[in-house]
């Protein structure tokens, strides 16, 4: 197989294995099988220190591991402010 064709096939396979999502600071590529919990950990946030939303919908901490990210999701990760 020619080198250029091999790279092309590998690049397409790599693209298929990732998805593009949007975070507050811009677009990001993540593994296609990533959950919201995976993303929170990958970004270095303590699980209990942040709140999360996808496409404007709050996602409780208890649902993050089973909430898979999809192409084009807009993800918001923020620190909840408690007080009054």
Foldseek 3Di string as FASTA:
>chain_A
DDPVVVVVVVVVVVVVQWAWEAEPVGIDIDGQFDFQVNVCVVVPHDLVQKWKDKPPHTDDSVCRRVHGDDHHIYMYIGGDDDDD
